[in-house]
């Protein structure tokens, strides 16, 4: 989802200043999911990377992928 694709409606005060936003629930939930994903990435940014080959090996070992 791109910011420009949001179907946002704004609530304004008597001076026309935006004070709140209304989003369709689906868009709001998608934004919350994106925020959660970003928080996980931030928490793990200092963890060492695992090579792709090792990930495949572990998935096969644990039965998530077949040979």
Protein backbone atom coordinates (compact mmCIF):
# COMPACT_ATOMS: atom_id res chain seq x y z
CA UNK A 1 0.00 0.00 0.00
CA UNK A 2 1.26 3.46 -0.87
CA UNK A 3 0.39 6.51 1.18
CA UNK A 4 -1.24 8.16 -1.84
CA UNK A 5 -3.53 5.12 -2.21
CA UNK A 6 -5.07 5.53 1.26
CA UNK A 7 -8.73 6.43 1.29
CA UNK A 8 -8.29 8.90 4.12
CA UNK A 9 -10.85 11.41 5.28
CA UNK A 10 -9.71 14.22 7.52
CA UNK A 11 -11.42 15.80 10.50
CA UNK A 12 -10.65 19.50 10.80
CA UNK A 13 -11.13 22.10 13.49
CA UNK A 14 -12.92 25.41 12.96
CA UNK A 15 -9.72 26.87 11.44
CA UNK A 16 -9.41 24.10 8.86
CA UNK A 17 -6.45 22.47 10.63
CA UNK A 18 -6.42 18.68 10.29
CA UNK A 19 -6.91 17.10 13.71
CA UNK A 20 -7.74 13.47 12.95
CA UNK A 21 -8.02 10.97 10.15
CA UNK A 22 -10.63 8.38 9.25
CA UNK A 23 -9.53 5.26 7.35
CA UNK A 24 -11.38 2.18 6.16
CA UNK A 25 -10.78 -0.55 8.75
CA UNK A 26 -8.96 -2.75 6.21
CA UNK A 27 -6.42 -0.01 5.52
CA UNK A 28 -5.99 0.69 9.24
CA UNK A 29 -5.35 -3.00 9.97
CA UNK A 30 -2.88 -3.21 7.09
CA UNK A 31 -0.99 -0.21 8.48
CA UNK A 32 -0.89 -1.80 11.94
CA UNK A 33 0.52 -4.99 10.43
CA UNK A 34 3.18 -2.98 8.57
CA UNK A 35 4.13 -1.19 11.80
CA UNK A 36 4.44 -4.52 13.59
CA UNK A 37 6.68 -5.86 10.80
CA UNK A 38 8.89 -2.77 11.03
CA UNK A 39 9.17 -3.15 14.81
CA UNK A 40 10.34 -6.76 14.39
CA UNK A 41 12.91 -5.67 11.80
CA UNK A 42 14.20 -2.95 14.14
CA UNK A 43 14.51 -5.43 17.02
CA UNK A 44 16.49 -7.86 14.86
CA UNK A 45 18.73 -5.45 12.96
CA UNK A 46 21.82 -6.43 14.96
CA UNK A 47 21.29 -10.19 14.63
CA UNK A 48 23.64 -12.02 12.28
CA UNK A 49 22.25 -12.94 8.88
CA UNK A 50 21.73 -16.60 7.98
CA UNK A 51 22.81 -17.62 4.47
CA UNK A 52 19.96 -18.67 2.18
CA UNK A 53 21.40 -22.16 1.78
CA UNK A 54 21.37 -22.63 5.55
CA UNK A 55 17.73 -21.53 5.77
CA UNK A 56 16.77 -24.08 3.08
CA UNK A 57 18.74 -26.78 4.88
CA UNK A 58 16.97 -26.05 8.18
CA UNK A 59 13.53 -25.96 6.55
CA UNK A 60 14.18 -29.36 4.95
CA UNK A 61 15.51 -30.75 8.20
CA UNK A 62 12.43 -29.56 10.09
CA UNK A 63 10.05 -30.97 7.47
CA UNK A 64 8.81 -27.65 6.08
CA UNK A 65 10.35 -28.28 2.65
CA UNK A 66 10.79 -31.48 0.69
CA UNK A 67 13.91 -32.40 -1.23
